[in-house]
PDB file of N, CA and C in Angstrom:
ATOM      1  N   MET A   1     310.579 199.365 -70.174  1.00  0.00           N
ATOM      2  CA  MET A   1     309.996 198.246 -69.496  1.00  0.00           C
ATOM      3  C   MET A   1     310.408 196.978 -70.237  1.00  0.00           C
ATOM      4  N   GLY A   2     310.826 195.958 -69.472  1.00  0.00           N
ATOM      5  CA  GLY A   2     311.251 194.708 -70.070  1.00  0.00           C
ATOM      6  C   GLY A   2     310.356 193.565 -69.656  1.00  0.00           C
ATOM      7  N   LEU A   3     310.546 192.453 -70.289  1.00  0.00           N
ATOM      8  CA  LEU A   3     309.798 191.245 -69.985  1.00  0.00           C
ATOM      9  C   LEU A   3     310.773 190.209 -69.471  1.00  0.00           C
ATOM     10  N   THR A   4     310.446 189.597 -68.346  1.00  0.00           N
ATOM     11  CA  THR A   4     311.267 188.540 -67.785  1.00  0.00           C
ATOM     12  C   THR A   4     310.445 187.261 -67.758  1.00  0.00           C
ATOM     13  N   VAL A   5     310.999 186.184 -68.263  1.00  0.00           N
ATOM     14  CA  VAL A   5     310.327 184.894 -68.280  1.00  0.00           C
ATOM     15  C   VAL A   5     311.188 183.917 -67.492  1.00  0.00           C
ATOM     16  N   CYS A   6     310.583 183.252 -66.521  1.00  0.00           N
ATOM     17  CA  CYS A   6     311.306 182.292 -65.690  1.00  0.00           C
ATOM     18  C   CYS A   6     310.824 180.886 -66.008  1.00  0.00           C
ATOM     19  N   PRO A   7     311.710 180.015 -66.479  1.00  0.00           N
ATOM     20  CA  PRO A   7     311.304 178.637 -66.756  1.00  0.00           C
ATOM     21  C   PRO A   7     310.826 177.944 -65.476  1.00  0.00           C
ATOM     22  N   THR A   8     309.772 177.171 -65.610  1.00  0.00           N
ATOM     23  CA  THR A   8     309.212 176.418 -64.498  1.00  0.00           C
ATOM     24  C   THR A   8     308.967 174.990 -64.972  1.00  0.00           C
ATOM     25  N   ALA A   9     309.286 174.037 -64.102  1.00  0.00           N
ATOM     26  CA  ALA A   9     309.055 172.625 -64.442  1.00  0.00           C
ATOM     27  C   ALA A   9     308.345 171.936 -63.288  1.00  0.00           C
ATOM     28  N   ARG A  10     307.400 171.106 -63.633  1.00  0.00           N
ATOM     29  CA  ARG A  10     306.737 170.249 -62.659  1.00  0.00           C
ATOM     30  C   ARG A  10     307.449 168.904 -62.730  1.00  0.00           C
ATOM     31  N   ILE A  11     307.920 168.432 -61.593  1.00  0.00           N
ATOM     32  CA  ILE A  11     308.756 167.232 -61.556  1.00  0.00           C
ATOM     33  C   ILE A  11     308.062 166.147 -60.743  1.00  0.00           C
ATOM     34  N   SER A  12     308.016 164.955 -61.296  1.00  0.00           N
ATOM     35  CA  SER A  12     307.387 163.816 -60.613  1.00  0.00           C
ATOM     36  C   SER A  12     308.397 163.157 -59.684  1.00  0.00           C
ATOM     37  N   ALA A  13     308.747 163.876 -58.643  1.00  0.00           N
ATOM     38  CA  ALA A  13     309.674 163.379 -57.627  1.00  0.00           C
ATOM     39  C   ALA A  13     309.429 164.192 -56.357  1.00  0.00           C
ATOM     40  N   PRO A  14     309.687 163.607 -55.199  1.00  0.00           N
ATOM     41  CA  PRO A  14     309.494 164.335 -53.950  1.00  0.00           C
ATOM     42  C   PRO A  14     310.414 165.560 -53.867  1.00  0.00           C
ATOM     43  N   LEU A  15     309.927 166.605 -53.250  1.00  0.00           N
ATOM     44  CA  LEU A  15     310.691 167.840 -53.090  1.00  0.00           C
ATOM     45  C   LEU A  15     312.070 167.593 -52.480  1.00  0.00           C
ATOM     46  N   GLU A  16     312.144 166.742 -51.473  1.00  0.00           N
ATOM     47  CA  GLU A  16     313.416 166.499 -50.787  1.00  0.00           C
ATOM     48  C   GLU A  16     314.465 165.909 -51.731  1.00  0.00           C
ATOM     49  N   LEU A  17     314.052 165.034 -52.633  1.00  0.00           N
ATOM     50  CA  LEU A  17     314.980 164.439 -53.594  1.00  0.00           C
ATOM     51  C   LEU A  17     315.465 165.476 -54.599  1.00  0.00           C
ATOM     52  N   VAL A  18     314.556 166.276 -55.115  1.00  0.00           N
ATOM     53  CA  VAL A  18     314.931 167.307 -56.084  1.00  0.00           C
ATOM     54  C   VAL A  18     315.861 168.330 -55.430  1.00  0.00           C
ATOM     55  N   TRP A  19     315.527 168.761 -54.221  1.00  0.00           N
ATOM     56  CA  TRP A  19     316.371 169.739 -53.518  1.00  0.00           C
ATOM     57  C   TRP A  19     317.772 169.167 -53.287  1.00  0.00           C
ATOM     58  N   ALA A  20     317.870 167.912 -52.867  1.00  0.00           N
ATOM     59  CA  ALA A  20     319.180 167.281 -52.654  1.00  0.00           C
ATOM     60  C   ALA A  20     319.980 167.250 -53.950  1.00  0.00           C
ATOM     61  N   ASN A  21     319.327 167.007 -55.085  1.00  0.00           N
ATOM     62  CA  ASN A  21     320.033 167.002 -56.368  1.00  0.00           C
ATOM     63  C   ASN A  21     320.535 168.385 -56.756  1.00  0.00           C
ATOM     64  N   LEU A  22     319.905 169.426 -56.260  1.00  0.00           N
ATOM     65  CA  LEU A  22     320.333 170.792 -56.570  1.00  0.00           C
ATOM     66  C   LEU A  22     321.448 171.296 -55.654  1.00  0.00           C
ATOM     67  N   VAL A  23     321.474 170.873 -54.408  1.00  0.00           N
ATOM     68  CA  VAL A  23     322.433 171.449 -53.454  1.00  0.00           C
ATOM     69  C   VAL A  23     323.582 170.517 -53.086  1.00  0.00           C
ATOM     70  N   GLU A  24     323.519 169.268 -53.479  1.00  0.00           N
ATOM     71  CA  GLU A  24     324.630 168.338 -53.241  1.00  0.00           C
ATOM     72  C   GLU A  24     325.372 168.185 -54.567  1.00  0.00           C
ATOM     73  N   TRP A  25     326.457 168.952 -54.676  1.00  0.00           N
ATOM     74  CA  TRP A  25     327.162 169.123 -55.949  1.00  0.00           C
ATOM     75  C   TRP A  25     327.629 167.819 -56.572  1.00  0.00           C
ATOM     76  N   GLU A  26     327.991 166.838 -55.761  1.00  0.00           N
ATOM     77  CA  GLU A  26     328.483 165.569 -56.299  1.00  0.00           C
ATOM     78  C   GLU A  26     327.411 164.859 -57.118  1.00  0.00           C
ATOM     79  N   ARG A  27     326.144 165.176 -56.896  1.00  0.00           N
ATOM     80  CA  ARG A  27     325.045 164.533 -57.626  1.00  0.00           C
ATOM     81  C   ARG A  27     324.870 165.076 -59.043  1.00  0.00           C
ATOM     82  N   TYR A  28     325.469 166.204 -59.361  1.00  0.00           N
ATOM     83  CA  TYR A  28     325.235 166.813 -60.675  1.00  0.00           C
ATOM     84  C   TYR A  28     325.596 165.887 -61.823  1.00  0.00           C
ATOM     85  N   SER A  29     326.651 165.095 -61.673  1.00  0.00           N
ATOM     86  CA  SER A  29     327.045 164.197 -62.763  1.00  0.00           C
ATOM     87  C   SER A  29     326.032 163.070 -62.961  1.00  0.00           C
ATOM     88  N   ASN A  30     325.113 162.870 -62.003  1.00  0.00           N
ATOM     89  CA  ASN A  30     324.060 161.860 -62.165  1.00  0.00           C
ATOM     90  C   ASN A  30     322.930 162.344 -63.061  1.00  0.00           C
ATOM     91  N   TRP A  31     322.759 163.655 -63.192  1.00  0.00           N
ATOM     92  CA  TRP A  31     321.610 164.152 -63.952  1.00  0.00           C
ATOM     93  C   TRP A  31     321.958 165.243 -64.967  1.00  0.00           C
ATOM     94  N   THR A  32     323.240 165.589 -65.056  1.00  0.00           N
ATOM     95  CA  THR A  32     323.692 166.538 -66.072  1.00  0.00           C
ATOM     96  C   THR A  32     324.946 165.978 -66.739  1.00  0.00           C
ATOM     97  N   ASP A  33     325.447 166.690 -67.731  1.00  0.00           N
ATOM     98  CA  ASP A  33     326.679 166.282 -68.403  1.00  0.00           C
ATOM     99  C   ASP A  33     327.894 167.006 -67.840  1.00  0.00           C
ATOM    100  N   VAL A  34     327.822 167.445 -66.599  1.00  0.00           N
ATOM    101  CA  VAL A  34     328.949 168.121 -65.949  1.00  0.00           C
ATOM    102  C   VAL A  34     329.277 167.418 -64.642  1.00  0.00           C
ATOM    103  N   HIS A  35     330.464 167.695 -64.140  1.00  0.00           N
ATOM    104  CA  HIS A  35     330.872 167.152 -62.845  1.00  0.00           C
ATOM    105  C   HIS A  35     331.672 168.210 -62.089  1.00  0.00           C
ATOM    106  N   PRO A  36     331.558 168.210 -60.766  1.00  0.00           N
ATOM    107  CA  PRO A  36     332.339 169.171 -59.989  1.00  0.00           C
ATOM    108  C   PRO A  36     333.803 168.740 -59.946  1.00  0.00           C
ATOM    109  N   GLU A  37     334.699 169.676 -60.233  1.00  0.00           N
ATOM    110  CA  GLU A  37     336.129 169.394 -60.146  1.00  0.00           C
ATOM    111  C   GLU A  37     336.677 169.767 -58.773  1.00  0.00           C
ATOM    112  N   ARG A  38     336.115 170.832 -58.197  1.00  0.00           N
ATOM    113  CA  ARG A  38     336.601 171.306 -56.884  1.00  0.00           C
ATOM    114  C   ARG A  38     335.455 172.062 -56.204  1.00  0.00           C
ATOM    115  N   ILE A  39     335.342 171.868 -54.893  1.00  0.00           N
ATOM    116  CA  ILE A  39     334.319 172.542 -54.098  1.00  0.00           C
ATOM    117  C   ILE A  39     335.017 173.170 -52.893  1.00  0.00           C
ATOM    118  N   GLU A  40     334.858 174.500 -52.741  1.00  0.00           N
ATOM    119  CA  GLU A  40     335.532 175.217 -51.655  1.00  0.00           C
ATOM    120  C   GLU A  40     334.530 176.064 -50.885  1.00  0.00           C
ATOM    121  N   PRO A  41     334.279 175.794 -49.626  1.00  0.00           N
ATOM    122  CA  PRO A  41     334.649 174.595 -48.877  1.00  0.00           C
ATOM    123  C   PRO A  41     333.793 173.400 -49.296  1.00  0.00           C
ATOM    124  N   GLU A  42     334.273 172.218 -48.963  1.00  0.00           N
ATOM    125  CA  GLU A  42     333.577 170.977 -49.305  1.00  0.00           C
ATOM    126  C   GLU A  42     332.181 170.958 -48.699  1.00  0.00           C
ATOM    127  N   GLY A  43     331.311 170.139 -49.275  1.00  0.00           N
ATOM    128  CA  GLY A  43     329.996 169.910 -48.698  1.00  0.00           C
ATOM    129  C   GLY A  43     328.865 170.428 -49.565  1.00  0.00           C
ATOM    130  N   ALA A  44     327.655 170.286 -49.026  1.00  0.00           N
ATOM    131  CA  ALA A  44     326.455 170.760 -49.710  1.00  0.00           C
ATOM    132  C   ALA A  44     326.479 172.280 -49.782  1.00  0.00           C
ATOM    133  N   ALA A  45     325.610 172.822 -50.599  1.00  0.00           N
ATOM    134  CA  ALA A  45     325.566 174.264 -50.844  1.00  0.00           C
ATOM    135  C   ALA A  45     325.473 175.074 -49.551  1.00  0.00           C
ATOM    136  N   THR A  46     326.383 176.044 -49.432  1.00  0.00           N
ATOM    137  CA  THR A  46     326.372 176.999 -48.331  1.00  0.00           C
ATOM    138  C   THR A  46     326.768 178.360 -48.894  1.00  0.00           C
ATOM    139  N   ALA A  47     326.251 179.413 -48.288  1.00  0.00           N
ATOM    140  CA  ALA A  47     326.588 180.765 -48.732  1.00  0.00           C
ATOM    141  C   ALA A  47     328.091 180.969 -48.676  1.00  0.00           C
ATOM    142  N   GLY A  48     328.644 181.579 -49.711  1.00  0.00           N
ATOM    143  CA  GLY A  48     330.075 181.843 -49.785  1.00  0.00           C
ATOM    144  C   GLY A  48     330.880 180.732 -50.447  1.00  0.00           C
ATOM    145  N   GLN A  49     330.264 179.635 -50.746  1.00  0.00           N
ATOM    146  CA  GLN A  49     330.945 178.491 -51.353  1.00  0.00           C
ATOM    147  C   GLN A  49     331.192 178.741 -52.841  1.00  0.00           C
ATOM    148  N   THR A  50     332.279 178.168 -53.366  1.00  0.00           N
ATOM    149  CA  THR A  50     332.587 178.226 -54.788  1.00  0.00           C
ATOM    150  C   THR A  50     332.711 176.799 -55.311  1.00  0.00           C
ATOM    151  N   VAL A  51     332.026 176.529 -56.431  1.00  0.00           N
ATOM    152  CA  VAL A  51     332.050 175.193 -57.027  1.00  0.00           C
ATOM    153  C   VAL A  51     332.548 175.320 -58.456  1.00  0.00           C
ATOM    154  N   TYR A  52     333.586 174.565 -58.791  1.00  0.00           N
ATOM    155  CA  TYR A  52     334.177 174.565 -60.122  1.00  0.00           C
ATOM    156  C   TYR A  52     333.713 173.318 -60.856  1.00  0.00           C
ATOM    157  N   PHE A  53     333.066 173.504 -62.001  1.00  0.00           N
ATOM    158  CA  PHE A  53     332.525 172.404 -62.798  1.00  0.00           C
ATOM    159  C   PHE A  53     333.275 172.270 -64.118  1.00  0.00           C
ATOM    160  N   ALA A  54     333.182 171.077 -64.712  1.00  0.00           N
ATOM    161  CA  ALA A  54     333.694 170.830 -66.061  1.00  0.00           C
ATOM    162  C   ALA A  54     332.712 169.917 -66.771  1.00  0.00           C
ATOM    163  N   GLY A  55     332.591 170.116 -68.074  1.00  0.00           N
ATOM    164  CA  GLY A  55     331.738 169.273 -68.894  1.00  0.00           C
ATOM    165  C   GLY A  55     332.241 169.275 -70.323  1.00  0.00           C
ATOM    166  N   ASN A  56     331.901 168.265 -71.066  1.00  0.00           N
ATOM    167  CA  ASN A  56     332.351 168.144 -72.451  1.00  0.00           C
ATOM    168  C   ASN A  56     331.210 168.417 -73.413  1.00  0.00           C
ATOM    169  N   ALA A  57     331.499 169.241 -74.415  1.00  0.00           N
ATOM    170  CA  ALA A  57     330.545 169.526 -75.484  1.00  0.00           C
ATOM    171  C   ALA A  57     331.320 170.049 -76.684  1.00  0.00           C
ATOM    172  N   PHE A  58     330.859 169.714 -77.867  1.00  0.00           N
ATOM    173  CA  PHE A  58     331.484 170.185 -79.107  1.00  0.00           C
ATOM    174  C   PHE A  58     332.968 169.835 -79.177  1.00  0.00           C
ATOM    175  N   GLY A  59     333.335 168.662 -78.634  1.00  0.00           N
ATOM    176  CA  GLY A  59     334.710 168.193 -78.703  1.00  0.00           C
ATOM    177  C   GLY A  59     335.679 168.904 -77.766  1.00  0.00           C
ATOM    178  N   ARG A  60     335.168 169.671 -76.823  1.00  0.00           N
ATOM    179  CA  ARG A  60     336.020 170.415 -75.882  1.00  0.00           C
ATOM    180  C   ARG A  60     335.553 170.181 -74.455  1.00  0.00           C
ATOM    181  N   THR A  61     336.449 170.451 -73.528  1.00  0.00           N
ATOM    182  CA  THR A  61     336.086 170.486 -72.119  1.00  0.00           C
ATOM    183  C   THR A  61     335.828 171.933 -71.751  1.00  0.00           C
ATOM    184  N   TRP A  62     334.646 172.194 -71.206  1.00  0.00           N
ATOM    185  CA  TRP A  62     334.253 173.539 -70.809  1.00  0.00           C
ATOM    186  C   TRP A  62     334.219 173.616 -69.293  1.00  0.00           C
ATOM    187  N   ARG A  63     334.721 174.693 -68.757  1.00  0.00           N
ATOM    188  CA  ARG A  63     334.733 174.890 -67.311  1.00  0.00           C
ATOM    189  C   ARG A  63     333.916 176.121 -66.952  1.00  0.00           C
ATOM    190  N   PHE A  64     333.225 176.021 -65.833  1.00  0.00           N
ATOM    191  CA  PHE A  64     332.463 177.162 -65.329  1.00  0.00           C
ATOM    192  C   PHE A  64     332.404 177.079 -63.817  1.00  0.00           C
ATOM    193  N   MET A  65     331.925 178.134 -63.190  1.00  0.00           N
ATOM    194  CA  MET A  65     331.993 178.234 -61.739  1.00  0.00           C
ATOM    195  C   MET A  65     330.678 178.752 -61.178  1.00  0.00           C
ATOM    196  N   PHE A  66     330.251 178.165 -60.054  1.00  0.00           N
ATOM    197  CA  PHE A  66     329.122 178.668 -59.273  1.00  0.00           C
ATOM    198  C   PHE A  66     329.688 179.342 -58.030  1.00  0.00           C
ATOM    199  N   LYS A  67     329.223 180.534 -57.719  1.00  0.00           N
ATOM    200  CA  LYS A  67     329.453 181.150 -56.418  1.00  0.00           C
ATOM    201  C   LYS A  67     328.092 181.187 -55.737  1.00  0.00           C
ATOM    202  N   VAL A  68     328.005 180.527 -54.599  1.00  0.00           N
ATOM    203  CA  VAL A  68     326.740 180.435 -53.885  1.00  0.00           C
ATOM    204  C   VAL A  68     326.558 181.708 -53.066  1.00  0.00           C
ATOM    205  N   GLU A  69     325.479 182.434 -53.332  1.00  0.00           N
ATOM    206  CA  GLU A  69     325.215 183.679 -52.609  1.00  0.00           C
ATOM    207  C   GLU A  69     324.340 183.439 -51.391  1.00  0.00           C
ATOM    208  N   THR A  70     323.209 182.773 -51.561  1.00  0.00           N
ATOM    209  CA  THR A  70     322.349 182.450 -50.415  1.00  0.00           C
ATOM    210  C   THR A  70     321.740 181.071 -50.609  1.00  0.00           C
ATOM    211  N   VAL A  71     321.503 180.407 -49.481  1.00  0.00           N
ATOM    212  CA  VAL A  71     320.829 179.111 -49.472  1.00  0.00           C
ATOM    213  C   VAL A  71     319.810 179.140 -48.335  1.00  0.00           C
ATOM    214  N   ASP A  72     318.583 178.818 -48.650  1.00  0.00           N
ATOM    215  CA  ASP A  72     317.537 178.703 -47.642  1.00  0.00           C
ATOM    216  C   ASP A  72     317.007 177.282 -47.720  1.00  0.00           C
ATOM    217  N   HIS A  73     317.570 176.397 -46.878  1.00  0.00           N
ATOM    218  CA  HIS A  73     317.195 174.985 -46.920  1.00  0.00           C
ATOM    219  C   HIS A  73     315.754 174.772 -46.464  1.00  0.00           C
ATOM    220  N   GLU A  74     315.256 175.607 -45.572  1.00  0.00           N
ATOM    221  CA  GLU A  74     313.880 175.445 -45.090  1.00  0.00           C
ATOM    222  C   GLU A  74     312.856 175.803 -46.165  1.00  0.00           C
ATOM    223  N   ARG A  75     313.103 176.870 -46.905  1.00  0.00           N
ATOM    224  CA  ARG A  75     312.173 177.321 -47.955  1.00  0.00           C
ATOM    225  C   ARG A  75     312.539 176.768 -49.330  1.00  0.00           C
ATOM    226  N   HIS A  76     313.677 176.072 -49.421  1.00  0.00           N
ATOM    227  CA  HIS A  76     314.157 175.473 -50.673  1.00  0.00           C
ATOM    228  C   HIS A  76     314.407 176.538 -51.743  1.00  0.00           C
ATOM    229  N   ARG A  77     315.265 177.488 -51.386  1.00  0.00           N
ATOM    230  CA  ARG A  77     315.634 178.594 -52.271  1.00  0.00           C
ATOM    231  C   ARG A  77     317.149 178.647 -52.375  1.00  0.00           C
ATOM    232  N   LEU A  78     317.649 178.980 -53.563  1.00  0.00           N
ATOM    233  CA  LEU A  78     319.082 179.004 -53.829  1.00  0.00           C
ATOM    234  C   LEU A  78     319.386 180.164 -54.767  1.00  0.00           C
ATOM    235  N   ASP A  79     320.332 181.011 -54.380  1.00  0.00           N
ATOM    236  CA  ASP A  79     320.781 182.118 -55.227  1.00  0.00           C
ATOM    237  C   ASP A  79     322.249 181.901 -55.563  1.00  0.00           C
ATOM    238  N   LEU A  80     322.559 181.982 -56.855  1.00  0.00           N
ATOM    239  CA  LEU A  80     323.916 181.731 -57.340  1.00  0.00           C
ATOM    240  C   LEU A  80     324.394 182.897 -58.191  1.00  0.00           C
ATOM    241  N   ARG A  81     325.689 182.959 -58.375  1.00  0.00           N
ATOM    242  CA  ARG A  81     326.291 183.761 -59.439  1.00  0.00           C
ATOM    243  C   ARG A  81     327.103 182.743 -60.236  1.00  0.00           C
ATOM    244  N   VAL A  82     326.809 182.653 -61.527  1.00  0.00           N
ATOM    245  CA  VAL A  82     327.430 181.641 -62.379  1.00  0.00           C
ATOM    246  C   VAL A  82     328.332 182.334 -63.394  1.00  0.00           C
ATOM    247  N   PHE A  83     329.543 181.834 -63.532  1.00  0.00           N
ATOM    248  CA  PHE A  83     330.537 182.384 -64.457  1.00  0.00           C
ATOM    249  C   PHE A  83     330.837 181.331 -65.519  1.00  0.00           C
ATOM    250  N   PHE A  84     330.484 181.654 -66.770  1.00  0.00           N
ATOM    251  CA  PHE A  84     330.679 180.761 -67.906  1.00  0.00           C
ATOM    252  C   PHE A  84     331.873 181.229 -68.742  1.00  0.00           C
ATOM    253  N   PRO A  85     332.331 180.388 -69.690  1.00  0.00           N
ATOM    254  CA  PRO A  85     333.387 180.829 -70.602  1.00  0.00           C
ATOM    255  C   PRO A  85     332.977 182.087 -71.379  1.00  0.00           C
ATOM    256  N   PHE A  86     333.956 182.752 -71.908  1.00  0.00           N
ATOM    257  CA  PHE A  86     333.789 183.958 -72.716  1.00  0.00           C
ATOM    258  C   PHE A  86     333.224 185.138 -71.925  1.00  0.00           C
ATOM    259  N   GLY A  87     333.400 185.111 -70.603  1.00  0.00           N
ATOM    260  CA  GLY A  87     332.965 186.225 -69.778  1.00  0.00           C
ATOM    261  C   GLY A  87     331.471 186.299 -69.519  1.00  0.00           C
ATOM    262  N   LEU A  88     330.732 185.275 -69.878  1.00  0.00           N
ATOM    263  CA  LEU A  88     329.288 185.271 -69.645  1.00  0.00           C
ATOM    264  C   LEU A  88     328.991 185.010 -68.177  1.00  0.00           C
ATOM    265  N   GLN A  89     328.028 185.747 -67.636  1.00  0.00           N
ATOM    266  CA  GLN A  89     327.625 185.584 -66.240  1.00  0.00           C
ATOM    267  C   GLN A  89     326.113 185.521 -66.149  1.00  0.00           C
ATOM    268  N   GLU A  90     325.658 184.871 -65.102  1.00  0.00           N
ATOM    269  CA  GLU A  90     324.232 184.777 -64.837  1.00  0.00           C
ATOM    270  C   GLU A  90     324.040 184.780 -63.333  1.00  0.00           C
ATOM    271  N   LYS A  91     322.910 185.296 -62.882  1.00  0.00           N
ATOM    272  CA  LYS A  91     322.611 185.324 -61.456  1.00  0.00           C
ATOM    273  C   LYS A  91     321.239 184.692 -61.233  1.00  0.00           C
ATOM    274  N   PRO A  92     321.175 183.351 -61.265  1.00  0.00           N
ATOM    275  CA  PRO A  92     319.882 182.684 -61.141  1.00  0.00           C
ATOM    276  C   PRO A  92     319.393 182.585 -59.698  1.00  0.00           C
ATOM    277  N   HIS A  93     318.070 182.582 -59.574  1.00  0.00           N
ATOM    278  CA  HIS A  93     317.378 182.281 -58.329  1.00  0.00           C
ATOM    279  C   HIS A  93     316.612 180.999 -58.606  1.00  0.00           C
ATOM    280  N   ILE A  94     316.803 179.980 -57.785  1.00  0.00           N
ATOM    281  CA  ILE A  94     316.133 178.701 -57.972  1.00  0.00           C
ATOM    282  C   ILE A  94     315.216 178.479 -56.778  1.00  0.00           C
ATOM    283  N   ALA A  95     313.959 178.152 -57.061  1.00  0.00           N
ATOM    284  CA  ALA A  95     312.973 177.916 -56.014  1.00  0.00           C
ATOM    285  C   ALA A  95     312.281 176.585 -56.253  1.00  0.00           C
ATOM    286  N   CYS A  96     312.176 175.771 -55.216  1.00  0.00           N
ATOM    287  CA  CYS A  96     311.480 174.491 -55.280  1.00  0.00           C
ATOM    288  C   CYS A  96     310.270 174.565 -54.349  1.00  0.00           C
ATOM    289  N   ASP A  97     309.128 174.145 -54.850  1.00  0.00           N
ATOM    290  CA  ASP A  97     307.901 174.158 -54.052  1.00  0.00           C
ATOM    291  C   ASP A  97     307.194 172.815 -54.163  1.00  0.00           C
ATOM    292  N   ARG A  98     306.729 172.335 -53.015  1.00  0.00           N
ATOM    293  CA  ARG A  98     306.012 171.064 -52.973  1.00  0.00           C
ATOM    294  C   ARG A  98     304.613 171.232 -53.576  1.00  0.00           C
ATOM    295  N   ILE A  99     304.214 170.296 -54.415  1.00  0.00           N
ATOM    296  CA  ILE A  99     302.847 170.244 -54.914  1.00  0.00           C
ATOM    297  C   ILE A  99     302.079 169.201 -54.114  1.00  0.00           C
ATOM    298  N   ASP A 100     302.683 168.012 -53.990  1.00  0.00           N
ATOM    299  CA  ASP A 100     302.150 166.963 -53.122  1.00  0.00           C
ATOM    300  C   ASP A 100     303.322 166.071 -52.717  1.00  0.00           C
ATOM    301  N   ALA A 101     303.064 164.932 -52.131  1.00  0.00           N
ATOM    302  CA  ALA A 101     304.139 164.084 -51.596  1.00  0.00           C
ATOM    303  C   ALA A 101     305.091 163.557 -52.663  1.00  0.00           C
ATOM    304  N   THR A 102     304.639 163.477 -53.916  1.00  0.00           N
ATOM    305  CA  THR A 102     305.476 162.893 -54.969  1.00  0.00           C
ATOM    306  C   THR A 102     305.733 163.844 -56.133  1.00  0.00           C
ATOM    307  N   THR A 103     305.362 165.112 -55.986  1.00  0.00           N
ATOM    308  CA  THR A 103     305.514 166.073 -57.078  1.00  0.00           C
ATOM    309  C   THR A 103     305.939 167.427 -56.534  1.00  0.00           C
ATOM    310  N   CYS A 104     306.820 168.091 -57.272  1.00  0.00           N
ATOM    311  CA  CYS A 104     307.220 169.444 -56.884  1.00  0.00           C
ATOM    312  C   CYS A 104     307.379 170.299 -58.139  1.00  0.00           C
ATOM    313  N   GLN A 105     307.547 171.580 -57.907  1.00  0.00           N
ATOM    314  CA  GLN A 105     307.746 172.521 -59.005  1.00  0.00           C
ATOM    315  C   GLN A 105     309.067 173.238 -58.764  1.00  0.00           C
ATOM    316  N   VAL A 106     309.851 173.379 -59.830  1.00  0.00           N
ATOM    317  CA  VAL A 106     311.119 174.098 -59.746  1.00  0.00           C
ATOM    318  C   VAL A 106     311.034 175.289 -60.691  1.00  0.00           C
ATOM    319  N   GLN A 107     311.388 176.445 -60.156  1.00  0.00           N
ATOM    320  CA  GLN A 107     311.407 177.668 -60.966  1.00  0.00           C
ATOM    321  C   GLN A 107     312.817 178.200 -60.990  1.00  0.00           C
ATOM    322  N   TYR A 108     313.258 178.589 -62.177  1.00  0.00           N
ATOM    323  CA  TYR A 108     314.612 179.089 -62.404  1.00  0.00           C
ATOM    324  C   TYR A 108     314.490 180.474 -63.024  1.00  0.00           C
ATOM    325  N   GLY A 109     315.069 181.435 -62.372  1.00  0.00           N
ATOM    326  CA  GLY A 109     314.977 182.767 -62.965  1.00  0.00           C
ATOM    327  C   GLY A 109     315.758 183.793 -62.201  1.00  0.00           C
TER     328      GLY A 109
END
């Protein structure tokens, strides 16, 4: 038996804004230290899409890739397969839930 812990954050921003920041890849450079280099096919997150990112850390440029598995825009759910350097992979599920008009909760796990 194992223990799984999923990080959760309460964000002082409307759900629609937070969701747009998660699924519109061009926005990532506004709130992270990475930027999309290529998106196939272009546009907001859709199942089957591949997004190639690059970011700088420790004096190097690091590249990684998102493969979008499922997107539920109505329920604000996103499933990815992420490929990092050195063969590391992750399969996160991201869920956004409204708390009120100006606050939402994001869970990553």
